[in-house]
Amino acid sequence: MALLLLATSALADTVPRDPAAREIYARIVAFRTAAGHGQTPAMVAYLSEVLRKGGVPAADIATLDHGEARAMLVRVPGRERGRPILFSAHMDVVDARPEEWERSPFELIEENGNFYGRGTMDNKAGVVALVSTILRLRAERLQPSRDLVFGFVADEETGMETTRLIAAHPWVRDAEFAINTDAGGGLLDDATGKPLIYLVQGAEKTYATFDLTVTNPGGHSSRPRADNAIYQLARALGRIEAYRFPVMANDLTRAYLGAVGKTLEGEEGEALRRFAADPNDAAAAEVLARSPEFVGTTRTTCVATMLGAGHAENALPQTAKATVNCRIFPGVPVETVREALVAVVADPGVKITTLDKPEASPVSEMRPDVVEAIERAVRANYPGVPVVPYLESGGTDGKVYRTAGIPTFASSGLFSKASEMYAHGLNERLPVQSFYEGLDQVYRLAVDLGRAKRAP
């Protein structure tokens, strides 16, 4: 998942609430669409029923299966021939353990101006925005100039195999570009809630995961050995924790950091402006390295995310294993990062292997027509807010579309404070007004980019 920028609107509630969209939101949050639960087929069945009742012909709905996962495509036919535009959202979520949450994670709960529930932020709000847009186009008898295709991905949080199926589908493979609702959005001032800037994702870092494994003959815990798999692995992880990859920058990241720097005061704002002007400014880079919000934009990062060792409390560990997740700066090969980890660990007894098949994706150069449409949609609620491209330090299935030759621009239509980011975490939430603003902005983009007109 991407690091969505979502939160409370700094303006008055200018976007009306849509009870039908809220009902869809509640229904799909109730589907536990995490890997292993087999719920995406049920969610697709529900959404298909909603769309058919809204007048979408069955011939314009397609399903795509990969194992237990089921994705869906919905086509809104255009008036003329032309390359289609893809709009995308993902239905799956990172799993949540109900016993760890303060509220049920698979029930939409509205409380204190927020919607609570797993997927409320990542990315079921985007799913509802696509469904709502399709239904509004039908209800208002609006027809785009060319086909609009709406993709509902089933496994963005895992293998993105259904994303690949979508990208290769005949309705999609010739798409001129894609709008991805799983990233991008507006930044609000932490203290005042004032809207500062709106970000459009045009590139993202490569997502790569490595296993670190130490093996040992083990033995009885009453007879400690000089070598211990857990201690050996712990030393390796400590070295990785202390290591910093080289600072990097490109035109997109410098433009983004410089634009954000103009909106922030204090040490961090100054560091952003200085780094944008000169990426070799070591002092500025050091300040940004301490910021979770910006460190990922200035370098490759690797962090331990999972750990396991031993087989009995009274036995020396025979195996100790850790998972290290890396977000790799564009242009850096995955193998280069693995080799760097090997050099940092400096212990041949720690085996470092690359999981799956990480893939990088090209940068999507900003198109004036797309940027201008996003500006119009954003400024309908936030007049004068600057719109700026950025590099996503997280990951989305946008990289699959880009790799398939479909330029992709991520725009959720939602605003947040940098300190408010609950995706993948406990008690995930989305401010109520942001949800409705997102519906409005995605609809505006579809009408604008699709040049939709009332059908005769």
Protein backbone atom coordinates (compact mmCIF):
# COMPACT_ATOMS: atom_id res chain seq x y z
CA MET A 1 0.00 0.00 0.00
CA ALA A 2 0.81 3.36 -0.60
CA LEU A 3 1.17 6.12 2.19
CA LEU A 4 -2.17 7.78 1.54
CA LEU A 5 -2.64 11.39 2.56
CA LEU A 6 -6.11 11.32 4.08
CA ALA A 7 -7.90 13.32 6.76
CA THR A 8 -10.27 16.00 7.93
CA SER A 9 -11.15 18.76 5.51
CA ALA A 10 -9.93 22.20 6.49
CA LEU A 11 -12.96 23.73 4.80
CA ALA A 12 -16.61 23.70 5.72
CA ASP A 13 -18.54 20.61 4.72
CA THR A 14 -19.21 21.75 1.17
CA VAL A 15 -19.60 18.28 -0.34
CA PRO A 16 -23.00 16.68 0.38
CA ARG A 17 -23.23 13.26 1.96
CA ASP A 18 -24.34 10.38 -0.25
CA PRO A 19 -26.33 7.80 1.76
CA ALA A 20 -26.11 5.21 -1.02
CA ALA A 21 -22.31 5.48 -1.14
CA ARG A 22 -22.14 5.19 2.64
CA GLU A 23 -24.20 1.98 2.50
CA ILE A 24 -21.82 0.51 -0.09
CA TYR A 25 -18.89 1.55 2.10
CA ALA A 26 -20.40 -0.21 5.12
CA ARG A 27 -21.09 -3.37 3.17
CA ILE A 28 -17.62 -3.71 1.68
CA VAL A 29 -15.76 -2.92 4.92
CA ALA A 30 -17.59 -5.95 6.34
CA PHE A 31 -15.87 -8.23 3.81
CA ARG A 32 -12.60 -9.50 5.30
CA THR A 33 -10.74 -9.25 2.02
CA ALA A 34 -7.31 -10.05 3.45
CA ALA A 35 -5.22 -12.82 1.88
CA GLY A 36 -6.28 -16.27 3.04
CA HIS A 37 -9.93 -15.42 3.75
CA GLY A 38 -11.27 -15.85 0.21
CA GLN A 39 -13.63 -12.88 0.41
CA THR A 40 -12.94 -10.98 -2.81
CA PRO A 41 -15.34 -13.19 -4.86
CA ALA A 42 -18.16 -12.34 -2.41
CA MET A 43 -17.29 -8.64 -2.58
CA VAL A 44 -17.24 -8.73 -6.38
CA ALA A 45 -20.63 -10.47 -6.38
CA TYR A 46 -22.08 -7.74 -4.17
CA LEU A 47 -20.59 -4.88 -6.22
CA SER A 48 -21.74 -6.51 -9.47
CA GLU A 49 -25.27 -6.69 -8.12
CA VAL A 50 -25.17 -3.01 -7.10
CA LEU A 51 -23.92 -2.01 -10.54
CA ARG A 52 -26.44 -4.11 -12.44
CA LYS A 53 -29.26 -2.62 -10.37
CA GLY A 54 -27.84 0.78 -11.29
CA GLY A 55 -28.24 -0.02 -14.98
CA VAL A 56 -24.78 -1.34 -15.93
CA PRO A 57 -25.20 -4.11 -18.55
CA ALA A 58 -23.76 -7.50 -17.63
CA ALA A 59 -21.70 -7.35 -20.83
CA ASP A 60 -19.79 -4.38 -19.41
CA ILE A 61 -18.72 -6.25 -16.26
CA ALA A 62 -15.86 -8.74 -16.38
CA THR A 63 -14.27 -10.83 -13.62
CA LEU A 64 -10.69 -12.08 -13.47
CA ASP A 65 -9.54 -14.87 -11.15
CA HIS A 66 -6.15 -15.78 -9.74
CA GLY A 67 -6.34 -18.49 -7.11
CA GLU A 68 -8.72 -17.39 -4.36
CA ALA A 69 -8.64 -13.78 -5.57
CA ARG A 70 -11.22 -12.30 -7.92
CA ALA A 71 -10.84 -8.93 -9.59
CA MET A 72 -13.43 -7.00 -11.59
CA LEU A 73 -13.52 -4.65 -14.56
CA VAL A 74 -16.40 -2.34 -15.42
CA ARG A 75 -16.57 -0.57 -18.76
CA VAL A 76 -18.42 2.66 -19.51
CA PRO A 77 -18.49 2.75 -23.34
CA GLY A 78 -17.46 5.94 -25.10
CA ARG A 79 -19.13 7.84 -27.92
CA GLU A 80 -16.16 7.46 -30.24
CA ARG A 81 -13.18 5.26 -30.87
CA GLY A 82 -10.11 6.12 -28.88
CA ARG A 83 -7.72 4.75 -26.32
CA PRO A 84 -9.46 4.07 -22.99
CA ILE A 85 -8.73 5.66 -19.62
CA LEU A 86 -8.32 3.34 -16.63
CA PHE A 87 -9.44 4.19 -13.09
CA SER A 88 -8.16 1.80 -10.42
CA ALA A 89 -8.74 0.86 -6.78
CA HIS A 90 -7.96 -2.27 -4.77
CA MET A 91 -10.46 -4.28 -2.77
CA ASP A 92 -8.06 -6.31 -0.62
CA VAL A 93 -6.72 -5.22 2.77
CA VAL A 94 -3.96 -6.07 5.21
CA ASP A 95 -5.54 -8.38 7.77
CA ALA A 96 -6.60 -7.18 11.21
CA ARG A 97 -6.90 -9.14 14.46
CA PRO A 98 -10.23 -8.21 16.08
CA GLU A 99 -8.90 -8.90 19.58
CA GLU A 100 -6.27 -6.16 19.16
CA TRP A 101 -8.67 -3.42 17.99
CA GLU A 102 -10.77 -1.12 20.15
CA ARG A 103 -13.66 -1.55 17.68
CA SER A 104 -14.60 -4.31 15.29
CA PRO A 105 -12.25 -3.95 12.29
CA PHE A 106 -14.79 -5.42 9.88
CA GLU A 107 -17.69 -3.15 10.73
CA LEU A 108 -17.99 0.45 9.55
CA ILE A 109 -18.31 2.59 12.67
CA GLU A 110 -18.87 6.34 12.45
CA GLU A 111 -17.58 8.08 15.56
CA ASN A 112 -16.09 11.50 16.37
CA GLY A 113 -16.07 12.59 12.75
CA ASN A 114 -14.27 9.46 11.53
CA PHE A 115 -15.14 6.23 9.78
CA TYR A 116 -13.40 3.33 11.58
CA GLY A 117 -12.67 -0.08 10.07
CA ARG A 118 -10.04 -2.03 8.19
CA GLY A 119 -9.78 -0.71 4.67
CA THR A 120 -11.61 2.55 5.36
CA MET A 121 -8.43 4.34 4.32
CA ASP A 122 -6.64 1.70 2.28
CA ASN A 123 -8.39 1.45 -0.21
CA LYS A 124 -12.10 0.77 0.13
CA ALA A 125 -12.85 4.49 0.01
CA GLY A 126 -11.32 4.37 -3.46
CA VAL A 127 -13.47 1.37 -4.37
CA VAL A 128 -16.62 3.24 -3.36
CA ALA A 129 -15.47 6.30 -5.31
CA LEU A 130 -15.24 4.20 -8.49
CA VAL A 131 -18.61 2.52 -7.95
CA SER A 132 -20.26 5.84 -7.09
CA THR A 133 -18.81 7.45 -10.22
CA ILE A 134 -20.10 4.65 -12.47
CA LEU A 135 -23.57 4.90 -10.93
CA ARG A 136 -23.64 8.70 -11.25
CA LEU A 137 -22.62 8.56 -14.90
CA ARG A 138 -25.49 6.12 -15.54
CA ALA A 139 -28.03 8.08 -13.49
CA GLU A 140 -27.12 11.39 -15.16
CA ARG A 141 -27.00 9.78 -18.62
CA LEU A 142 -23.45 11.01 -19.18
CA GLN A 143 -21.39 9.29 -21.87
CA PRO A 144 -17.63 9.80 -22.18
CA SER A 145 -15.94 10.48 -25.50
CA ARG A 146 -14.02 7.20 -25.17
CA ASP A 147 -14.24 4.13 -22.97
CA LEU A 148 -13.65 4.57 -19.25
CA VAL A 149 -12.62 1.32 -17.60
CA PHE A 150 -12.78 0.89 -13.83
CA GLY A 151 -10.48 -1.75 -12.36
CA PHE A 152 -11.06 -3.37 -8.97
CA VAL A 153 -7.87 -5.16 -7.94
CA ALA A 154 -8.02 -8.19 -5.62
CA ASP A 155 -4.44 -8.62 -4.38
CA GLU A 156 -2.59 -5.29 -4.30
CA GLU A 157 -1.38 -6.00 -0.76
CA THR A 158 0.26 -9.27 -1.82
CA GLY A 159 1.32 -10.46 -5.28
CA MET A 160 -0.56 -7.99 -7.54
CA GLU A 161 -1.30 -10.88 -9.90
CA THR A 162 -4.84 -9.65 -10.59
CA THR A 163 -3.36 -6.23 -11.37
CA ARG A 164 -1.32 -7.90 -14.10
CA LEU A 165 -4.45 -9.60 -15.41
CA ILE A 166 -6.22 -6.23 -15.51
CA ALA A 167 -3.31 -4.56 -17.30
CA ALA A 168 -3.33 -7.31 -19.97
CA HIS A 169 -7.12 -7.37 -20.46
CA PRO A 170 -8.39 -6.26 -23.91
CA TRP A 171 -10.40 -3.44 -22.32
CA VAL A 172 -7.28 -2.05 -20.63
CA ARG A 173 -4.07 -2.98 -22.38
CA ASP A 174 -4.25 -0.06 -24.82
CA ALA A 175 -5.17 2.48 -22.12
CA GLU A 176 -3.68 5.91 -22.69
CA PHE A 177 -3.17 6.43 -18.96
CA ALA A 178 -4.53 5.42 -15.57
CA ILE A 179 -5.80 7.24 -12.49
CA ASN A 180 -4.99 5.26 -9.34
CA THR A 181 -6.98 6.10 -6.19
CA ASP A 182 -4.52 4.28 -3.91
CA ALA A 183 -2.10 7.19 -3.44
CA GLY A 184 -1.78 10.93 -3.87
CA GLY A 185 -3.74 13.51 -1.94
CA GLY A 186 -3.57 16.75 -0.04
CA LEU A 187 -1.39 17.80 2.87
CA LEU A 188 -2.87 19.81 5.74
CA ASP A 189 -0.93 21.84 8.28
CA ASP A 190 -0.59 19.80 11.48
CA ALA A 191 -1.36 22.73 13.73
CA THR A 192 -4.05 24.63 11.87
CA GLY A 193 -5.54 22.15 9.40
CA LYS A 194 -4.91 24.65 6.60
CA PRO A 195 -4.58 23.00 3.15
CA LEU A 196 -0.98 23.34 2.02
CA ILE A 197 -0.43 21.31 -1.13
CA TYR A 198 -1.92 18.54 -3.26
CA LEU A 199 0.35 15.71 -4.41
CA VAL A 200 0.02 13.57 -7.52
CA GLN A 201 2.04 10.37 -7.53
CA GLY A 202 4.01 9.98 -10.73
CA ALA A 203 6.53 7.36 -9.60
CA GLU A 204 7.17 4.94 -6.79
CA LYS A 205 10.04 3.10 -5.25
CA THR A 206 10.69 -0.57 -5.94
CA TYR A 207 9.27 -2.85 -3.26
CA ALA A 208 11.67 -5.67 -2.37
CA THR A 209 11.80 -8.08 0.56
CA PHE A 210 14.77 -10.10 1.75
CA ASP A 211 14.99 -13.07 4.10
CA LEU A 212 17.93 -13.20 6.52
CA THR A 213 18.50 -16.76 7.74
CA VAL A 214 20.97 -18.20 10.24
CA THR A 215 21.20 -21.95 10.87
CA ASN A 216 22.95 -23.77 13.69
CA PRO A 217 23.26 -27.37 15.02
CA GLY A 218 21.46 -26.22 18.16
CA GLY A 219 21.45 -28.42 21.25
CA HIS A 220 20.20 -28.45 24.83
CA SER A 221 19.62 -25.06 26.46
CA SER A 222 21.55 -26.21 29.54
CA ARG A 223 24.68 -26.39 27.39
CA PRO A 224 25.04 -22.99 25.65
CA ARG A 225 27.27 -22.82 22.60
CA ALA A 226 29.68 -20.07 21.69
CA ASP A 227 27.59 -19.51 18.57
CA ASN A 228 23.86 -18.92 18.81
CA ALA A 229 21.60 -18.38 15.80
CA ILE A 230 19.46 -15.75 17.53
CA TYR A 231 22.40 -13.66 18.72
CA GLN A 232 24.08 -13.95 15.32
CA LEU A 233 20.93 -12.75 13.56
CA ALA A 234 20.46 -9.95 16.11
CA ARG A 235 23.95 -8.63 15.38
CA ALA A 236 23.18 -8.64 11.66
CA LEU A 237 19.94 -6.72 12.20
CA GLY A 238 21.73 -4.18 14.37
CA ARG A 239 24.15 -3.45 11.55
CA ILE A 240 21.30 -3.01 9.08
CA GLU A 241 19.52 -0.68 11.51
CA ALA A 242 22.61 1.51 11.75
CA TYR A 243 23.27 1.63 8.01
CA ARG A 244 22.03 4.44 5.77
CA PHE A 245 21.88 4.07 2.04
CA PRO A 246 23.32 6.95 -0.02
CA VAL A 247 21.24 10.07 -0.51
CA MET A 248 19.62 10.27 -3.95
CA ALA A 249 17.44 12.71 -5.85
CA ASN A 250 15.84 13.25 -9.23
CA ASP A 251 13.90 16.10 -10.81
CA LEU A 252 10.58 14.80 -9.48
CA THR A 253 11.73 14.45 -5.86
CA ARG A 254 13.45 17.83 -5.87
CA ALA A 255 10.33 19.52 -7.23
CA TYR A 256 8.17 17.78 -4.62
CA LEU A 257 10.42 18.49 -1.63
CA GLY A 258 10.94 22.07 -2.70
CA ALA A 259 7.20 22.68 -3.06
CA VAL A 260 6.43 21.15 0.34
CA GLY A 261 9.32 23.12 1.85
CA LYS A 262 7.68 26.36 0.79
CA THR A 263 4.63 25.47 2.90
CA LEU A 264 6.47 24.48 6.10
CA GLU A 265 8.26 26.61 8.62
CA GLY A 266 11.03 25.70 11.04
CA GLU A 267 13.98 23.36 10.68
CA GLU A 268 12.18 20.79 8.52
CA GLY A 269 10.87 23.36 6.04
CA GLU A 270 14.34 24.91 5.73
CA ALA A 271 15.91 21.46 5.19
CA LEU A 272 13.40 20.67 2.45
CA ARG A 273 14.15 23.89 0.61
CA ARG A 274 17.91 23.45 0.96
CA PHE A 275 17.83 19.82 -0.17
CA ALA A 276 15.70 20.68 -3.20
CA ALA A 277 18.24 23.34 -4.16
CA ASP A 278 21.24 21.09 -3.49
CA PRO A 279 20.85 17.33 -2.81
CA ASN A 280 24.52 17.29 -1.74
CA ASP A 281 23.64 19.40 1.32
CA ALA A 282 24.54 16.81 3.96
CA ALA A 283 23.11 18.78 6.86
CA ALA A 284 19.72 19.11 5.15
CA ALA A 285 19.73 15.42 4.27
CA GLU A 286 20.45 14.57 7.91
CA VAL A 287 17.40 16.53 9.08
CA LEU A 288 15.20 14.75 6.51
CA ALA A 289 16.62 11.37 7.53
CA ARG A 290 14.97 11.83 10.93
CA SER A 291 11.54 12.43 9.37
CA PRO A 292 9.36 9.37 8.60
CA GLU A 293 7.46 11.57 6.17
CA PHE A 294 10.47 12.48 4.00
CA VAL A 295 13.31 10.00 4.59
CA GLY A 296 11.89 7.60 2.02
CA THR A 297 11.97 10.28 -0.66
CA THR A 298 15.67 10.92 -0.26
CA ARG A 299 17.19 7.44 -0.28
CA THR A 300 16.64 3.68 -0.34
CA THR A 301 15.40 2.41 3.02
CA CYS A 302 15.44 -1.08 4.54
CA VAL A 303 13.74 -2.09 7.78
CA ALA A 304 13.15 -5.34 9.66
CA THR A 305 9.45 -6.23 9.67
CA MET A 306 9.18 -9.86 10.81
CA LEU A 307 11.17 -12.16 13.10
CA GLY A 308 11.12 -15.83 14.06
CA ALA A 309 13.51 -18.25 15.75
CA GLY A 310 13.80 -21.43 17.76
CA HIS A 311 11.61 -24.49 18.14
CA ALA A 312 11.43 -25.10 21.91
CA GLU A 313 11.98 -23.07 25.07
CA ASN A 314 14.56 -25.53 26.37
CA ALA A 315 16.52 -25.96 23.13
CA LEU A 316 19.16 -23.88 21.44
CA PRO A 317 17.78 -22.36 18.22
CA GLN A 318 18.57 -24.26 15.05
CA THR A 319 17.16 -21.55 12.80
CA ALA A 320 16.67 -17.82 13.19
CA LYS A 321 15.04 -15.83 10.44
CA ALA A 322 14.16 -12.17 9.86
CA THR A 323 12.34 -10.40 7.07
CA VAL A 324 13.75 -7.09 5.89
CA ASN A 325 11.61 -4.92 3.63
CA CYS A 326 13.30 -2.39 1.36
CA ARG A 327 11.88 0.52 -0.63
CA ILE A 328 14.41 1.14 -3.37
CA PHE A 329 15.02 4.48 -5.07
CA PRO A 330 14.22 4.50 -8.81
CA GLY A 331 17.13 3.38 -10.94
CA VAL A 332 18.80 1.23 -8.26
CA PRO A 333 18.79 -2.51 -9.12
CA VAL A 334 17.39 -4.87 -6.50
CA GLU A 335 20.54 -6.98 -6.60
CA THR A 336 22.62 -3.90 -5.78
CA VAL A 337 20.61 -3.49 -2.59
CA ARG A 338 20.97 -7.17 -1.68
CA GLU A 339 24.72 -6.92 -2.19
CA ALA A 340 24.80 -3.82 0.03
CA LEU A 341 23.01 -5.75 2.81
CA VAL A 342 25.50 -8.59 2.47
CA ALA A 343 28.38 -6.12 2.80
CA VAL A 344 26.78 -4.38 5.80
CA VAL A 345 26.07 -7.62 7.65
CA ALA A 346 29.60 -8.86 6.88
CA ASP A 347 28.86 -12.37 8.11
CA PRO A 348 28.87 -15.31 5.67
CA GLY A 349 26.80 -17.25 8.21
CA VAL A 350 23.82 -14.99 7.51
CA LYS A 351 22.18 -16.02 4.25
CA ILE A 352 20.36 -13.17 2.50
CA THR A 353 17.87 -14.11 -0.22
CA THR A 354 15.47 -12.05 -2.33
CA LEU A 355 11.82 -13.03 -2.05
CA ASP A 356 9.51 -13.24 -5.06
CA LYS A 357 10.40 -11.20 -8.14
CA PRO A 358 10.59 -7.49 -7.31
CA GLU A 359 9.95 -5.18 -10.22
CA ALA A 360 10.75 -1.56 -10.79
CA SER A 361 8.60 0.75 -12.86
CA PRO A 362 9.35 3.84 -14.92
CA VAL A 363 8.48 7.38 -13.92
CA SER A 364 5.24 8.69 -15.40
CA GLU A 365 5.99 12.13 -16.76
CA MET A 366 3.26 14.58 -15.84
CA ARG A 367 0.76 15.20 -18.67
CA PRO A 368 -0.59 18.75 -18.78
CA ASP A 369 -4.15 17.58 -19.53
CA VAL A 370 -4.18 15.20 -16.57
CA VAL A 371 -2.58 17.69 -14.17
CA GLU A 372 -5.00 20.42 -15.24
CA ALA A 373 -8.00 18.12 -14.70
CA ILE A 374 -6.72 17.17 -11.24
CA GLU A 375 -6.20 20.87 -10.46
CA ARG A 376 -9.79 21.64 -11.43
CA ALA A 377 -11.13 18.78 -9.32
CA VAL A 378 -9.03 19.69 -6.27
CA ARG A 379 -9.65 23.44 -6.46
CA ALA A 380 -13.40 22.96 -6.62
CA ASN A 381 -13.11 22.40 -2.86
CA TYR A 382 -9.66 23.90 -2.16
CA PRO A 383 -9.16 27.03 -4.29
CA GLY A 384 -5.57 28.01 -4.97
CA VAL A 385 -3.91 24.90 -3.55
CA PRO A 386 -0.75 24.06 -5.55
CA VAL A 387 -0.71 20.67 -7.30
CA VAL A 388 2.71 18.99 -7.39
CA PRO A 389 4.03 15.58 -8.57
CA TYR A 390 5.84 13.34 -6.09
CA LEU A 391 7.68 10.06 -5.65
CA GLU A 392 5.79 7.49 -3.56
CA SER A 393 8.03 5.94 -0.91
CA GLY A 394 5.47 3.19 -0.41
CA GLY A 395 4.17 0.92 -3.13
CA THR A 396 0.97 0.54 -5.15
CA ASP A 397 -0.15 -1.48 -8.14
CA GLY A 398 0.56 1.63 -10.20
CA LYS A 399 3.98 0.12 -10.81
CA VAL A 400 2.34 -2.82 -12.60
CA TYR A 401 0.44 -0.49 -14.92
CA ARG A 402 3.54 1.58 -15.61
CA THR A 403 5.59 -1.53 -16.35
CA ALA A 404 2.85 -2.60 -18.78
CA GLY A 405 3.25 0.72 -20.62
CA ILE A 406 0.30 2.57 -19.06
CA PRO A 407 1.39 5.93 -17.55
CA THR A 408 -0.22 6.13 -14.12
CA PHE A 409 -1.08 9.12 -11.95
CA ALA A 410 -2.24 8.48 -8.40
CA SER A 411 -4.83 10.88 -7.03
CA SER A 412 -7.08 9.87 -4.14
CA GLY A 413 -8.87 13.21 -3.88
CA LEU A 414 -8.39 13.19 -0.10
CA PHE A 415 -6.57 15.47 2.35
CA SER A 416 -4.71 14.79 5.61
CA LYS A 417 -2.22 15.95 8.15
CA ALA A 418 1.16 14.25 7.89
CA SER A 419 0.72 12.97 11.45
CA GLU A 420 -2.56 11.20 10.58
CA MET A 421 -1.77 7.96 8.79
CA TYR A 422 -3.51 4.81 9.99
CA ALA A 423 -3.40 2.47 6.99
CA HIS A 424 -2.19 -1.04 7.87
CA GLY A 425 -2.33 -0.15 11.58
CA LEU A 426 -4.62 -0.53 14.55
CA ASN A 427 -7.96 1.29 14.52
CA GLU A 428 -7.65 2.38 10.90
CA ARG A 429 -9.89 5.34 10.23
CA LEU A 430 -10.83 7.92 7.64
CA PRO A 431 -12.43 11.29 8.43
CA VAL A 432 -16.02 11.36 7.24
CA GLN A 433 -15.70 14.54 5.19
CA SER A 434 -12.63 13.20 3.39
CA PHE A 435 -14.63 10.19 2.25
CA TYR A 436 -17.28 12.37 0.61
CA GLU A 437 -14.69 14.73 -0.88
CA GLY A 438 -13.00 11.72 -2.47
CA LEU A 439 -16.24 10.62 -4.12
CA ASP A 440 -16.69 14.10 -5.54
CA GLN A 441 -13.17 14.45 -6.90
CA VAL A 442 -13.03 11.05 -8.62
CA TYR A 443 -16.37 11.77 -10.29
CA ARG A 444 -15.14 15.18 -11.46
CA LEU A 445 -12.00 13.59 -12.93
CA ALA A 446 -13.99 10.96 -14.82
CA VAL A 447 -16.31 13.57 -16.31
CA ASP A 448 -13.48 15.99 -17.14
CA LEU A 449 -10.89 13.56 -18.52
CA GLY A 450 -13.58 11.53 -20.28
CA ARG A 451 -15.17 14.67 -21.74
CA ALA A 452 -18.53 13.20 -20.77
CA LYS A 453 -21.70 14.60 -22.28
CA ARG A 454 -25.37 13.87 -21.75
CA ALA A 455 -26.49 11.08 -24.02
CA PRO A 456 -29.30 11.91 -26.49
